[in-house]
ModelCIF file with pLDDT and N, C-alpha, C, O atoms, coordinates in Angstrom:
data_MODEL
#
_entry.id   MODEL 
#
_entity.id                         1 
_entity.type                       polymer 
_entity.pdbx_number_of_molecules   1 
#
_entity_poly.entity_id                      1 
_entity_poly.type                           'polypeptide(L)' 
_entity_poly.nstd_linkage                   no 
_entity_poly.nstd_monomer                   no 
_entity_poly.pdbx_seq_one_letter_code       VGYKGTKRYVRVAVTASGTTSGGTYGASIVLANPR 
_entity_poly.pdbx_seq_one_letter_code_can   VGYKGTKRYVRVAVTASGTTSGGTYGASIVLANPR 
_entity_poly.pdbx_strand_id                 A 
#
loop_
_entity_poly_seq.entity_id 
_entity_poly_seq.num 
_entity_poly_seq.mon_id 
_entity_poly_seq.hetero 
1 1  VAL n 
1 2  GLY n 
1 3  TYR n 
1 4  LYS n 
1 5  GLY n 
1 6  THR n 
1 7  LYS n 
1 8  ARG n 
1 9  TYR n 
1 10 VAL n 
1 11 ARG n 
1 12 VAL n 
1 13 ALA n 
1 14 VAL n 
1 15 THR n 
1 16 ALA n 
1 17 SER n 
1 18 GLY n 
1 19 THR n 
1 20 THR n 
1 21 SER n 
1 22 GLY n 
1 23 GLY n 
1 24 THR n 
1 25 TYR n 
1 26 GLY n 
1 27 ALA n 
1 28 SER n 
1 29 ILE n 
1 30 VAL n 
1 31 LEU n 
1 32 ALA n 
1 33 ASN n 
1 34 PRO n 
1 35 ARG n 
#
_struct_asym.id          A 
_struct_asym.entity_id   1 
#
loop_
_ma_qa_metric.id 
_ma_qa_metric.mode 
_ma_qa_metric.name 
_ma_qa_metric.software_group_id 
_ma_qa_metric.type 
1 global pLDDT . pLDDT 
2 local  pLDDT . pLDDT 
#
_ma_qa_metric_global.metric_id      1 
_ma_qa_metric_global.metric_value   96.23 
_ma_qa_metric_global.model_id       1 
_ma_qa_metric_global.ordinal_id     1 
#
loop_
_ma_qa_metric_local.label_asym_id 
_ma_qa_metric_local.label_comp_id 
_ma_qa_metric_local.label_seq_id 
_ma_qa_metric_local.metric_id 
_ma_qa_metric_local.metric_value 
_ma_qa_metric_local.model_id 
_ma_qa_metric_local.ordinal_id 
A VAL 1  2 98.00 1 1  
A GLY 2  2 98.00 1 2  
A TYR 3  2 98.00 1 3  
A LYS 4  2 96.00 1 4  
A GLY 5  2 95.00 1 5  
A THR 6  2 95.00 1 6  
A LYS 7  2 97.00 1 7  
A ARG 8  2 97.00 1 8  
A TYR 9  2 98.00 1 9  
A VAL 10 2 98.00 1 10 
A ARG 11 2 98.00 1 11 
A VAL 12 2 98.00 1 12 
A ALA 13 2 98.00 1 13 
A VAL 14 2 98.00 1 14 
A THR 15 2 97.00 1 15 
A ALA 16 2 97.00 1 16 
A SER 17 2 96.00 1 17 
A GLY 18 2 95.00 1 18 
A THR 19 2 94.00 1 19 
A THR 20 2 94.00 1 20 
A SER 21 2 95.00 1 21 
A GLY 22 2 95.00 1 22 
A GLY 23 2 96.00 1 23 
A THR 24 2 97.00 1 24 
A TYR 25 2 98.00 1 25 
A GLY 26 2 98.00 1 26 
A ALA 27 2 98.00 1 27 
A SER 28 2 98.00 1 28 
A ILE 29 2 98.00 1 29 
A VAL 30 2 97.00 1 30 
A LEU 31 2 96.00 1 31 
A ALA 32 2 94.00 1 32 
A ASN 33 2 92.00 1 33 
A PRO 34 2 92.00 1 34 
A ARG 35 2 89.00 1 35 
#
loop_
_atom_site.group_PDB 
_atom_site.id 
_atom_site.type_symbol 
_atom_site.label_atom_id 
_atom_site.label_alt_id 
_atom_site.label_comp_id 
_atom_site.label_asym_id 
_atom_site.label_entity_id 
_atom_site.label_seq_id 
_atom_site.pdbx_PDB_ins_code 
_atom_site.Cartn_x 
_atom_site.Cartn_y 
_atom_site.Cartn_z 
_atom_site.occupancy 
_atom_site.B_iso_or_equiv 
_atom_site.pdbx_formal_charge 
_atom_site.auth_seq_id 
_atom_site.auth_comp_id 
_atom_site.auth_asym_id 
_atom_site.auth_atom_id 
_atom_site.pdbx_PDB_model_num 
ATOM 1   N N  . VAL A 1 1  ? 1.902  -8.736  8.490   1.00 98.00 ? 1  VAL A N  1 
ATOM 2   C CA . VAL A 1 1  ? 2.808  -8.109  9.168   1.00 98.00 ? 1  VAL A CA 1 
ATOM 3   C C  . VAL A 1 1  ? 3.174  -7.734  7.525   1.00 98.00 ? 1  VAL A C  1 
ATOM 4   O O  . VAL A 1 1  ? 3.404  -8.662  6.750   1.00 98.00 ? 1  VAL A O  1 
ATOM 5   N N  . GLY A 1 2  ? 3.216  -6.144  6.999   1.00 98.00 ? 2  GLY A N  1 
ATOM 6   C CA . GLY A 1 2  ? 4.143  -4.562  6.486   1.00 98.00 ? 2  GLY A CA 1 
ATOM 7   C C  . GLY A 1 2  ? 5.708  -4.751  6.938   1.00 98.00 ? 2  GLY A C  1 
ATOM 8   O O  . GLY A 1 2  ? 6.050  -4.759  8.121   1.00 98.00 ? 2  GLY A O  1 
ATOM 9   N N  . TYR A 1 3  ? 6.478  -4.878  5.999   1.00 98.00 ? 3  TYR A N  1 
ATOM 10  C CA . TYR A 1 3  ? 8.421  -5.071  6.721   1.00 98.00 ? 3  TYR A CA 1 
ATOM 11  C C  . TYR A 1 3  ? 8.294  -3.664  6.187   1.00 98.00 ? 3  TYR A C  1 
ATOM 12  O O  . TYR A 1 3  ? 7.749  -3.309  5.141   1.00 98.00 ? 3  TYR A O  1 
ATOM 13  N N  . LYS A 1 4  ? 8.836  -3.006  7.005   1.00 96.00 ? 4  LYS A N  1 
ATOM 14  C CA . LYS A 1 4  ? 9.180  -1.603  5.610   1.00 96.00 ? 4  LYS A CA 1 
ATOM 15  C C  . LYS A 1 4  ? 10.419 -1.463  6.087   1.00 96.00 ? 4  LYS A C  1 
ATOM 16  O O  . LYS A 1 4  ? 10.625 -0.265  6.279   1.00 96.00 ? 4  LYS A O  1 
ATOM 17  N N  . GLY A 1 5  ? 11.796 -2.442  6.508   1.00 95.00 ? 5  GLY A N  1 
ATOM 18  C CA . GLY A 1 5  ? 13.587 -1.843  5.811   1.00 95.00 ? 5  GLY A CA 1 
ATOM 19  C C  . GLY A 1 5  ? 14.054 -1.944  5.406   1.00 95.00 ? 5  GLY A C  1 
ATOM 20  O O  . GLY A 1 5  ? 13.434 -1.920  4.342   1.00 95.00 ? 5  GLY A O  1 
ATOM 21  N N  . THR A 1 6  ? 15.256 -2.151  5.112   1.00 95.00 ? 6  THR A N  1 
ATOM 22  C CA . THR A 1 6  ? 15.413 -1.602  4.213   1.00 95.00 ? 6  THR A CA 1 
ATOM 23  C C  . THR A 1 6  ? 16.697 -3.116  3.607   1.00 95.00 ? 6  THR A C  1 
ATOM 24  O O  . THR A 1 6  ? 17.427 -3.059  2.617   1.00 95.00 ? 6  THR A O  1 
ATOM 25  N N  . LYS A 1 7  ? 16.591 -4.166  4.486   1.00 97.00 ? 7  LYS A N  1 
ATOM 26  C CA . LYS A 1 7  ? 17.142 -5.487  4.557   1.00 97.00 ? 7  LYS A CA 1 
ATOM 27  C C  . LYS A 1 7  ? 17.213 -6.536  3.009   1.00 97.00 ? 7  LYS A C  1 
ATOM 28  O O  . LYS A 1 7  ? 16.368 -7.432  3.013   1.00 97.00 ? 7  LYS A O  1 
ATOM 29  N N  . ARG A 1 8  ? 17.849 -6.498  2.133   1.00 97.00 ? 8  ARG A N  1 
ATOM 30  C CA . ARG A 1 8  ? 18.179 -7.442  1.445   1.00 97.00 ? 8  ARG A CA 1 
ATOM 31  C C  . ARG A 1 8  ? 16.609 -8.487  1.528   1.00 97.00 ? 8  ARG A C  1 
ATOM 32  O O  . ARG A 1 8  ? 15.590 -8.283  0.868   1.00 97.00 ? 8  ARG A O  1 
ATOM 33  N N  . TYR A 1 9  ? 16.807 -9.464  2.416   1.00 98.00 ? 9  TYR A N  1 
ATOM 34  C CA . TYR A 1 9  ? 16.730 -10.855 2.108   1.00 98.00 ? 9  TYR A CA 1 
ATOM 35  C C  . TYR A 1 9  ? 15.495 -10.519 3.754   1.00 98.00 ? 9  TYR A C  1 
ATOM 36  O O  . TYR A 1 9  ? 15.967 -9.734  4.576   1.00 98.00 ? 9  TYR A O  1 
ATOM 37  N N  . VAL A 1 10 ? 14.239 -11.050 4.041   1.00 98.00 ? 10 VAL A N  1 
ATOM 38  C CA . VAL A 1 10 ? 13.363 -11.100 5.165   1.00 98.00 ? 10 VAL A CA 1 
ATOM 39  C C  . VAL A 1 10 ? 13.080 -12.792 5.243   1.00 98.00 ? 10 VAL A C  1 
ATOM 40  O O  . VAL A 1 10 ? 13.113 -13.453 4.205   1.00 98.00 ? 10 VAL A O  1 
ATOM 41  N N  . ARG A 1 11 ? 12.878 -13.250 6.194   1.00 98.00 ? 11 ARG A N  1 
ATOM 42  C CA . ARG A 1 11 ? 12.727 -14.493 6.686   1.00 98.00 ? 11 ARG A CA 1 
ATOM 43  C C  . ARG A 1 11 ? 11.236 -14.365 7.598   1.00 98.00 ? 11 ARG A C  1 
ATOM 44  O O  . ARG A 1 11 ? 11.140 -13.271 8.154   1.00 98.00 ? 11 ARG A O  1 
ATOM 45  N N  . VAL A 1 12 ? 10.213 -15.192 7.807   1.00 98.00 ? 12 VAL A N  1 
ATOM 46  C CA . VAL A 1 12 ? 10.293 -15.453 9.230   1.00 98.00 ? 12 VAL A CA 1 
ATOM 47  C C  . VAL A 1 12 ? 9.873  -16.630 9.972   1.00 98.00 ? 12 VAL A C  1 
ATOM 48  O O  . VAL A 1 12 ? 8.909  -17.395 9.931   1.00 98.00 ? 12 VAL A O  1 
ATOM 49  N N  . ALA A 1 13 ? 11.245 -16.475 10.869  1.00 98.00 ? 13 ALA A N  1 
ATOM 50  C CA . ALA A 1 13 ? 10.880 -17.387 12.268  1.00 98.00 ? 13 ALA A CA 1 
ATOM 51  C C  . ALA A 1 13 ? 10.211 -17.958 12.677  1.00 98.00 ? 13 ALA A C  1 
ATOM 52  O O  . ALA A 1 13 ? 9.317  -17.767 11.853  1.00 98.00 ? 13 ALA A O  1 
ATOM 53  N N  . VAL A 1 14 ? 9.679  -18.805 13.568  1.00 98.00 ? 14 VAL A N  1 
ATOM 54  C CA . VAL A 1 14 ? 8.415  -18.862 14.629  1.00 98.00 ? 14 VAL A CA 1 
ATOM 55  C C  . VAL A 1 14 ? 9.365  -19.708 15.851  1.00 98.00 ? 14 VAL A C  1 
ATOM 56  O O  . VAL A 1 14 ? 10.417 -20.030 15.298  1.00 98.00 ? 14 VAL A O  1 
ATOM 57  N N  . THR A 1 15 ? 9.364  -20.102 17.072  1.00 97.00 ? 15 THR A N  1 
ATOM 58  C CA . THR A 1 15 ? 9.112  -20.201 18.486  1.00 97.00 ? 15 THR A CA 1 
ATOM 59  C C  . THR A 1 15 ? 8.392  -21.472 19.131  1.00 97.00 ? 15 THR A C  1 
ATOM 60  O O  . THR A 1 15 ? 8.517  -21.312 20.345  1.00 97.00 ? 15 THR A O  1 
ATOM 61  N N  . ALA A 1 16 ? 7.895  -22.320 18.963  1.00 97.00 ? 16 ALA A N  1 
ATOM 62  C CA . ALA A 1 16 ? 7.150  -23.188 19.711  1.00 97.00 ? 16 ALA A CA 1 
ATOM 63  C C  . ALA A 1 16 ? 6.994  -23.262 20.865  1.00 97.00 ? 16 ALA A C  1 
ATOM 64  O O  . ALA A 1 16 ? 7.902  -23.464 21.671  1.00 97.00 ? 16 ALA A O  1 
ATOM 65  N N  . SER A 1 17 ? 6.114  -23.148 21.065  1.00 96.00 ? 17 SER A N  1 
ATOM 66  C CA . SER A 1 17 ? 6.381  -23.997 23.020  1.00 96.00 ? 17 SER A CA 1 
ATOM 67  C C  . SER A 1 17 ? 5.292  -24.551 23.177  1.00 96.00 ? 17 SER A C  1 
ATOM 68  O O  . SER A 1 17 ? 4.196  -24.389 22.640  1.00 96.00 ? 17 SER A O  1 
ATOM 69  N N  . GLY A 1 18 ? 5.576  -25.065 23.771  1.00 95.00 ? 18 GLY A N  1 
ATOM 70  C CA . GLY A 1 18 ? 4.005  -26.223 25.108  1.00 95.00 ? 18 GLY A CA 1 
ATOM 71  C C  . GLY A 1 18 ? 3.210  -26.913 23.828  1.00 95.00 ? 18 GLY A C  1 
ATOM 72  O O  . GLY A 1 18 ? 1.996  -27.067 23.964  1.00 95.00 ? 18 GLY A O  1 
ATOM 73  N N  . THR A 1 19 ? 3.750  -27.280 22.759  1.00 94.00 ? 19 THR A N  1 
ATOM 74  C CA . THR A 1 19 ? 2.943  -27.802 21.382  1.00 94.00 ? 19 THR A CA 1 
ATOM 75  C C  . THR A 1 19 ? 3.014  -29.624 22.279  1.00 94.00 ? 19 THR A C  1 
ATOM 76  O O  . THR A 1 19 ? 3.906  -29.965 23.057  1.00 94.00 ? 19 THR A O  1 
ATOM 77  N N  . THR A 1 20 ? 1.925  -30.414 21.890  1.00 94.00 ? 20 THR A N  1 
ATOM 78  C CA . THR A 1 20 ? 2.619  -31.854 21.393  1.00 94.00 ? 20 THR A CA 1 
ATOM 79  C C  . THR A 1 20 ? 1.930  -31.950 20.464  1.00 94.00 ? 20 THR A C  1 
ATOM 80  O O  . THR A 1 20 ? 2.610  -32.517 19.608  1.00 94.00 ? 20 THR A O  1 
ATOM 81  N N  . SER A 1 21 ? 0.426  -31.626 19.866  1.00 95.00 ? 21 SER A N  1 
ATOM 82  C CA . SER A 1 21 ? 1.056  -32.276 18.641  1.00 95.00 ? 21 SER A CA 1 
ATOM 83  C C  . SER A 1 21 ? 0.494  -31.121 17.540  1.00 95.00 ? 21 SER A C  1 
ATOM 84  O O  . SER A 1 21 ? -0.172 -31.275 16.516  1.00 95.00 ? 21 SER A O  1 
ATOM 85  N N  . GLY A 1 22 ? 1.244  -29.434 18.416  1.00 95.00 ? 22 GLY A N  1 
ATOM 86  C CA . GLY A 1 22 ? 1.286  -28.830 17.316  1.00 95.00 ? 22 GLY A CA 1 
ATOM 87  C C  . GLY A 1 22 ? 0.236  -27.516 16.663  1.00 95.00 ? 22 GLY A C  1 
ATOM 88  O O  . GLY A 1 22 ? -0.648 -27.091 17.407  1.00 95.00 ? 22 GLY A O  1 
ATOM 89  N N  . GLY A 1 23 ? 0.336  -27.132 15.761  1.00 96.00 ? 23 GLY A N  1 
ATOM 90  C CA . GLY A 1 23 ? -1.060 -26.727 14.377  1.00 96.00 ? 23 GLY A CA 1 
ATOM 91  C C  . GLY A 1 23 ? 0.620  -26.172 12.638  1.00 96.00 ? 23 GLY A C  1 
ATOM 92  O O  . GLY A 1 23 ? 1.740  -25.842 12.250  1.00 96.00 ? 23 GLY A O  1 
ATOM 93  N N  . THR A 1 24 ? -0.363 -26.439 12.511  1.00 97.00 ? 24 THR A N  1 
ATOM 94  C CA . THR A 1 24 ? -0.716 -26.389 10.071  1.00 97.00 ? 24 THR A CA 1 
ATOM 95  C C  . THR A 1 24 ? -0.439 -24.736 10.074  1.00 97.00 ? 24 THR A C  1 
ATOM 96  O O  . THR A 1 24 ? -0.969 -23.945 10.854  1.00 97.00 ? 24 THR A O  1 
ATOM 97  N N  . TYR A 1 25 ? 0.455  -24.425 9.085   1.00 98.00 ? 25 TYR A N  1 
ATOM 98  C CA . TYR A 1 25 ? 0.544  -22.741 9.483   1.00 98.00 ? 25 TYR A CA 1 
ATOM 99  C C  . TYR A 1 25 ? 1.693  -22.639 8.644   1.00 98.00 ? 25 TYR A C  1 
ATOM 100 O O  . TYR A 1 25 ? 2.361  -23.652 8.851   1.00 98.00 ? 25 TYR A O  1 
ATOM 101 N N  . GLY A 1 26 ? 2.322  -21.821 7.692   1.00 98.00 ? 26 GLY A N  1 
ATOM 102 C CA . GLY A 1 26 ? 2.544  -21.702 6.962   1.00 98.00 ? 26 GLY A CA 1 
ATOM 103 C C  . GLY A 1 26 ? 3.043  -19.911 6.734   1.00 98.00 ? 26 GLY A C  1 
ATOM 104 O O  . GLY A 1 26 ? 2.257  -19.133 7.275   1.00 98.00 ? 26 GLY A O  1 
ATOM 105 N N  . ALA A 1 27 ? 3.831  -19.478 6.254   1.00 98.00 ? 27 ALA A N  1 
ATOM 106 C CA . ALA A 1 27 ? 4.040  -17.268 6.005   1.00 98.00 ? 27 ALA A CA 1 
ATOM 107 C C  . ALA A 1 27 ? 5.169  -18.399 4.369   1.00 98.00 ? 27 ALA A C  1 
ATOM 108 O O  . ALA A 1 27 ? 5.819  -19.364 3.969   1.00 98.00 ? 27 ALA A O  1 
ATOM 109 N N  . SER A 1 28 ? 4.269  -16.592 4.105   1.00 98.00 ? 28 SER A N  1 
ATOM 110 C CA . SER A 1 28 ? 4.503  -16.423 2.600   1.00 98.00 ? 28 SER A CA 1 
ATOM 111 C C  . SER A 1 28 ? 4.973  -14.639 2.641   1.00 98.00 ? 28 SER A C  1 
ATOM 112 O O  . SER A 1 28 ? 4.683  -13.855 3.544   1.00 98.00 ? 28 SER A O  1 
ATOM 113 N N  . ILE A 1 29 ? 5.783  -14.323 1.354   1.00 98.00 ? 29 ILE A N  1 
ATOM 114 C CA . ILE A 1 29 ? 6.321  -12.865 1.765   1.00 98.00 ? 29 ILE A CA 1 
ATOM 115 C C  . ILE A 1 29 ? 6.087  -12.301 -0.048  1.00 98.00 ? 29 ILE A C  1 
ATOM 116 O O  . ILE A 1 29 ? 6.787  -12.624 -1.008  1.00 98.00 ? 29 ILE A O  1 
ATOM 117 N N  . VAL A 1 30 ? 4.339  -10.986 -0.031  1.00 97.00 ? 30 VAL A N  1 
ATOM 118 C CA . VAL A 1 30 ? 4.053  -9.966  -1.310  1.00 97.00 ? 30 VAL A CA 1 
ATOM 119 C C  . VAL A 1 30 ? 5.347  -9.546  -1.383  1.00 97.00 ? 30 VAL A C  1 
ATOM 120 O O  . VAL A 1 30 ? 5.750  -9.411  -0.228  1.00 97.00 ? 30 VAL A O  1 
ATOM 121 N N  . LEU A 1 31 ? 6.461  -9.188  -2.417  1.00 96.00 ? 31 LEU A N  1 
ATOM 122 C CA . LEU A 1 31 ? 7.754  -8.266  -2.718  1.00 96.00 ? 31 LEU A CA 1 
ATOM 123 C C  . LEU A 1 31 ? 6.552  -7.598  -3.917  1.00 96.00 ? 31 LEU A C  1 
ATOM 124 O O  . LEU A 1 31 ? 5.926  -8.396  -4.615  1.00 96.00 ? 31 LEU A O  1 
ATOM 125 N N  . ALA A 1 32 ? 6.371  -6.399  -4.029  1.00 94.00 ? 32 ALA A N  1 
ATOM 126 C CA . ALA A 1 32 ? 5.702  -5.318  -4.335  1.00 94.00 ? 32 ALA A CA 1 
ATOM 127 C C  . ALA A 1 32 ? 6.443  -4.048  -4.893  1.00 94.00 ? 32 ALA A C  1 
ATOM 128 O O  . ALA A 1 32 ? 7.582  -3.717  -4.564  1.00 94.00 ? 32 ALA A O  1 
ATOM 129 N N  . ASN A 1 33 ? 5.707  -3.445  -5.707  1.00 92.00 ? 33 ASN A N  1 
ATOM 130 C CA . ASN A 1 33 ? 7.068  -1.722  -6.501  1.00 92.00 ? 33 ASN A CA 1 
ATOM 131 C C  . ASN A 1 33 ? 8.215  -2.081  -7.026  1.00 92.00 ? 33 ASN A C  1 
ATOM 132 O O  . ASN A 1 33 ? 9.205  -1.866  -6.326  1.00 92.00 ? 33 ASN A O  1 
ATOM 133 N N  . PRO A 1 34 ? 8.380  -2.588  -8.103  1.00 92.00 ? 34 PRO A N  1 
ATOM 134 C CA . PRO A 1 34 ? 9.412  -3.175  -8.037  1.00 92.00 ? 34 PRO A CA 1 
ATOM 135 C C  . PRO A 1 34 ? 10.431 -2.417  -8.693  1.00 92.00 ? 34 PRO A C  1 
ATOM 136 O O  . PRO A 1 34 ? 10.690 -3.292  -9.519  1.00 92.00 ? 34 PRO A O  1 
ATOM 137 N N  . ARG A 1 35 ? 11.295 -1.400  -9.018  1.00 89.00 ? 35 ARG A N  1 
ATOM 138 C CA . ARG A 1 35 ? 12.088 -1.123  -9.407  1.00 89.00 ? 35 ARG A CA 1 
ATOM 139 C C  . ARG A 1 35 ? 11.840 -0.752  -10.984 1.00 89.00 ? 35 ARG A C  1 
ATOM 140 O O  . ARG A 1 35 ? 12.776 -0.360  -11.680 1.00 89.00 ? 35 ARG A O  1 
#
């Protein structure tokens, strides 16, 4: 997912529902086009 906003900080939040054993996952942010 691309981020076009202007805020300084970005993160991922997750809302889990209907889980018993759940799932394995993670998230990273690729930063590009530095000044």
